Amino acid sequence: MELIEIDDGKIKSTGIELETTNGIPSQSIRKFHMQVLEKAKMAIAEQSVNERHASTLVIALMKATLKKSEICSRY
């Protein structure tokens, strides 16, 4: 899928991004996200700041502008 490459013995991202289904419930995607979150929790507990990298994206939206959907109605 060419998502990673090995450069000088180091694994690097190629920068290609994937997008999952939008608005369609998927047990596989849900399971994947839970696994990623569990790995992040383990890294915070077991690795030093220099050994880990984590990032978060926060988007501010006005509730009034959101399209009414099952996902948005929970918030």
N, C-alpha and C. Protein backbone atom coordinates (compact mmCIF):
# COMPACT_ATOMS: atom_id res chain seq x y z
N MET A 1 0.82 -1.19 0.00
CA MET A 1 0.00 0.00 0.00
C MET A 1 0.86 1.25 0.00
N GLU A 2 2.16 1.08 0.12
CA GLU A 2 3.12 2.19 0.06
C GLU A 2 2.87 3.27 1.12
N LEU A 3 2.47 2.84 2.32
CA LEU A 3 2.23 3.78 3.41
C LEU A 3 3.50 4.07 4.20
N ILE A 4 4.46 3.14 4.15
CA ILE A 4 5.74 3.34 4.83
C ILE A 4 6.88 3.02 3.87
N GLU A 5 8.06 3.53 4.21
CA GLU A 5 9.26 3.23 3.45
C GLU A 5 10.43 3.11 4.42
N ILE A 6 11.45 2.41 4.00
CA ILE A 6 12.65 2.30 4.82
C ILE A 6 13.73 3.16 4.19
N ASP A 7 14.21 4.13 4.97
CA ASP A 7 15.21 5.07 4.50
C ASP A 7 16.38 5.04 5.46
N ASP A 8 17.53 4.60 4.98
CA ASP A 8 18.73 4.53 5.80
C ASP A 8 18.49 3.68 7.06
N GLY A 9 17.74 2.59 6.90
CA GLY A 9 17.48 1.67 8.01
C GLY A 9 16.37 2.11 8.95
N LYS A 10 15.72 3.23 8.66
CA LYS A 10 14.65 3.73 9.51
C LYS A 10 13.31 3.66 8.78
N ILE A 11 12.28 3.29 9.51
CA ILE A 11 10.95 3.22 8.93
C ILE A 11 10.35 4.62 8.97
N LYS A 12 9.85 5.07 7.82
CA LYS A 12 9.26 6.40 7.71
C LYS A 12 7.91 6.32 7.01
N SER A 13 7.04 7.25 7.34
CA SER A 13 5.76 7.37 6.65
C SER A 13 5.99 8.00 5.28
N THR A 14 5.24 7.55 4.29
CA THR A 14 5.32 8.16 2.96
C THR A 14 4.43 9.39 2.87
N GLY A 15 3.62 9.62 3.90
CA GLY A 15 2.73 10.77 3.89
C GLY A 15 1.38 10.49 3.26
N ILE A 16 1.19 9.29 2.73
CA ILE A 16 -0.10 8.93 2.15
C ILE A 16 -1.10 8.75 3.28
N GLU A 17 -2.25 9.37 3.13
CA GLU A 17 -3.29 9.27 4.15
C GLU A 17 -4.43 8.40 3.65
N LEU A 18 -5.04 7.68 4.56
CA LEU A 18 -6.20 6.86 4.23
C LEU A 18 -7.42 7.44 4.92
N GLU A 19 -8.55 7.22 4.35
CA GLU A 19 -9.79 7.68 4.95
C GLU A 19 -10.73 6.49 5.04
N THR A 20 -11.36 6.33 6.19
CA THR A 20 -12.29 5.23 6.37
C THR A 20 -13.70 5.68 5.97
N THR A 21 -14.61 4.73 6.02
CA THR A 21 -15.99 5.04 5.67
C THR A 21 -16.52 6.15 6.56
N ASN A 22 -17.44 6.90 6.06
CA ASN A 22 -18.00 8.03 6.78
C ASN A 22 -19.48 7.76 7.04
N GLY A 23 -19.85 7.68 8.30
CA GLY A 23 -21.25 7.49 8.63
C GLY A 23 -21.74 6.07 8.57
N ILE A 24 -20.86 5.13 8.29
CA ILE A 24 -21.25 3.72 8.22
C ILE A 24 -20.58 3.00 9.39
N PRO A 25 -21.36 2.46 10.33
CA PRO A 25 -20.76 1.77 11.48
C PRO A 25 -19.91 0.58 11.02
N SER A 26 -18.75 0.43 11.61
CA SER A 26 -17.87 -0.69 11.26
C SER A 26 -17.22 -1.23 12.52
N GLN A 27 -17.48 -2.47 12.83
CA GLN A 27 -16.87 -3.10 14.00
C GLN A 27 -15.35 -3.17 13.84
N SER A 28 -14.87 -3.38 12.64
CA SER A 28 -13.42 -3.46 12.40
C SER A 28 -12.73 -2.13 12.67
N ILE A 29 -13.33 -1.03 12.21
CA ILE A 29 -12.75 0.28 12.45
C ILE A 29 -12.79 0.62 13.93
N ARG A 30 -13.89 0.30 14.57
CA ARG A 30 -14.04 0.55 16.01
C ARG A 30 -12.96 -0.23 16.78
N LYS A 31 -12.75 -1.49 16.41
CA LYS A 31 -11.74 -2.33 17.07
C LYS A 31 -10.34 -1.75 16.85
N PHE A 32 -10.05 -1.31 15.63
CA PHE A 32 -8.76 -0.72 15.33
C PHE A 32 -8.50 0.51 16.20
N HIS A 33 -9.49 1.40 16.29
CA HIS A 33 -9.33 2.61 17.10
C HIS A 33 -9.11 2.27 18.57
N MET A 34 -9.80 1.27 19.07
CA MET A 34 -9.61 0.86 20.46
C MET A 34 -8.19 0.32 20.67
N GLN A 35 -7.67 -0.42 19.71
CA GLN A 35 -6.31 -0.95 19.80
C GLN A 35 -5.28 0.19 19.80
N VAL A 36 -5.48 1.18 18.95
CA VAL A 36 -4.57 2.33 18.90
C VAL A 36 -4.58 3.07 20.22
N LEU A 37 -5.76 3.29 20.78
CA LEU A 37 -5.86 3.98 22.06
C LEU A 37 -5.19 3.19 23.19
N GLU A 38 -5.34 1.88 23.17
CA GLU A 38 -4.69 1.05 24.19
C GLU A 38 -3.17 1.13 24.07
N LYS A 39 -2.65 1.12 22.85
CA LYS A 39 -1.20 1.24 22.65
C LYS A 39 -0.70 2.61 23.13
N ALA A 40 -1.50 3.65 22.90
CA ALA A 40 -1.12 4.99 23.37
C ALA A 40 -1.07 5.02 24.89
N LYS A 41 -2.05 4.41 25.55
CA LYS A 41 -2.06 4.38 27.01
C LYS A 41 -0.83 3.64 27.54
N MET A 42 -0.47 2.54 26.89
CA MET A 42 0.71 1.77 27.32
C MET A 42 1.99 2.59 27.13
N ALA A 43 2.08 3.31 26.01
CA ALA A 43 3.27 4.12 25.74
C ALA A 43 3.42 5.22 26.78
N ILE A 44 2.32 5.87 27.15
CA ILE A 44 2.38 6.93 28.16
C ILE A 44 2.89 6.37 29.49
N ALA A 45 2.45 5.16 29.83
CA ALA A 45 2.83 4.56 31.11
C ALA A 45 4.24 3.99 31.10
N GLU A 46 4.70 3.50 29.94
CA GLU A 46 5.94 2.73 29.91
C GLU A 46 7.12 3.39 29.20
N GLN A 47 6.89 4.43 28.42
CA GLN A 47 7.97 5.03 27.66
C GLN A 47 8.21 6.47 28.12
N SER A 48 9.47 6.88 27.96
CA SER A 48 9.80 8.27 28.29
C SER A 48 9.25 9.20 27.20
N VAL A 49 9.23 10.47 27.49
CA VAL A 49 8.76 11.47 26.54
C VAL A 49 9.58 11.41 25.25
N ASN A 50 10.87 11.15 25.36
CA ASN A 50 11.74 11.07 24.18
C ASN A 50 11.51 9.83 23.34
N GLU A 51 10.86 8.82 23.89
CA GLU A 51 10.64 7.57 23.16
C GLU A 51 9.28 7.49 22.48
N ARG A 52 8.44 8.46 22.67
CA ARG A 52 7.10 8.37 22.10
C ARG A 52 6.71 9.69 21.43
N HIS A 53 5.74 9.59 20.56
CA HIS A 53 5.17 10.75 19.90
C HIS A 53 3.66 10.54 19.81
N ALA A 54 2.92 11.51 20.20
CA ALA A 54 1.46 11.45 20.08
C ALA A 54 0.97 12.80 19.60
N SER A 55 -0.09 12.78 18.82
CA SER A 55 -0.67 14.03 18.37
C SER A 55 -2.19 13.91 18.39
N THR A 56 -2.82 15.05 18.48
CA THR A 56 -4.27 15.10 18.53
C THR A 56 -4.73 16.25 17.65
N LEU A 57 -5.86 16.05 17.02
CA LEU A 57 -6.46 17.11 16.22
C LEU A 57 -7.79 17.49 16.86
N VAL A 58 -7.92 18.75 17.20
CA VAL A 58 -9.16 19.24 17.79
C VAL A 58 -9.73 20.29 16.83
N ILE A 59 -10.98 20.11 16.47
CA ILE A 59 -11.63 21.04 15.56
C ILE A 59 -12.81 21.68 16.29
N ALA A 60 -12.82 22.98 16.35
CA ALA A 60 -13.92 23.70 17.01
C ALA A 60 -15.03 23.95 16.00
N LEU A 61 -16.21 23.50 16.34
CA LEU A 61 -17.38 23.69 15.48
C LEU A 61 -18.54 24.21 16.31
N MET A 62 -19.38 25.00 15.70
CA MET A 62 -20.59 25.44 16.38
C MET A 62 -21.65 24.35 16.20
N LYS A 63 -22.24 23.93 17.30
CA LYS A 63 -23.24 22.87 17.26
C LYS A 63 -24.36 23.20 16.29
N ALA A 64 -24.74 24.46 16.21
CA ALA A 64 -25.84 24.87 15.34
C ALA A 64 -25.54 24.64 13.86
N THR A 65 -24.24 24.59 13.49
CA THR A 65 -23.89 24.43 12.09
C THR A 65 -23.70 22.98 11.68
N LEU A 66 -23.70 22.08 12.64
CA LEU A 66 -23.51 20.68 12.32
C LEU A 66 -24.77 20.08 11.71
N LYS A 67 -24.58 19.23 10.73
CA LYS A 67 -25.69 18.52 10.14
C LYS A 67 -26.21 17.51 11.16
N LYS A 68 -27.49 17.45 11.33
CA LYS A 68 -28.08 16.54 12.30
C LYS A 68 -27.84 15.10 11.84
N SER A 69 -27.20 14.31 12.68
CA SER A 69 -26.94 12.91 12.36
C SER A 69 -26.87 12.13 13.64
N GLU A 70 -26.80 10.82 13.52
CA GLU A 70 -26.70 9.96 14.71
C GLU A 70 -25.45 10.29 15.50
N ILE A 71 -24.33 10.55 14.82
CA ILE A 71 -23.08 10.84 15.50
C ILE A 71 -23.18 12.18 16.24
N CYS A 72 -23.65 13.22 15.56
CA CYS A 72 -23.70 14.55 16.16
C CYS A 72 -24.72 14.64 17.29
N SER A 73 -25.77 13.86 17.22
CA SER A 73 -26.82 13.96 18.23
C SER A 73 -26.35 13.47 19.59
N ARG A 74 -25.25 12.74 19.64
CA ARG A 74 -24.71 12.27 20.91
C ARG A 74 -23.98 13.37 21.66
N TYR A 75 -23.64 14.48 21.03
CA TYR A 75 -22.81 15.51 21.65
C TYR A 75 -23.57 16.78 21.86
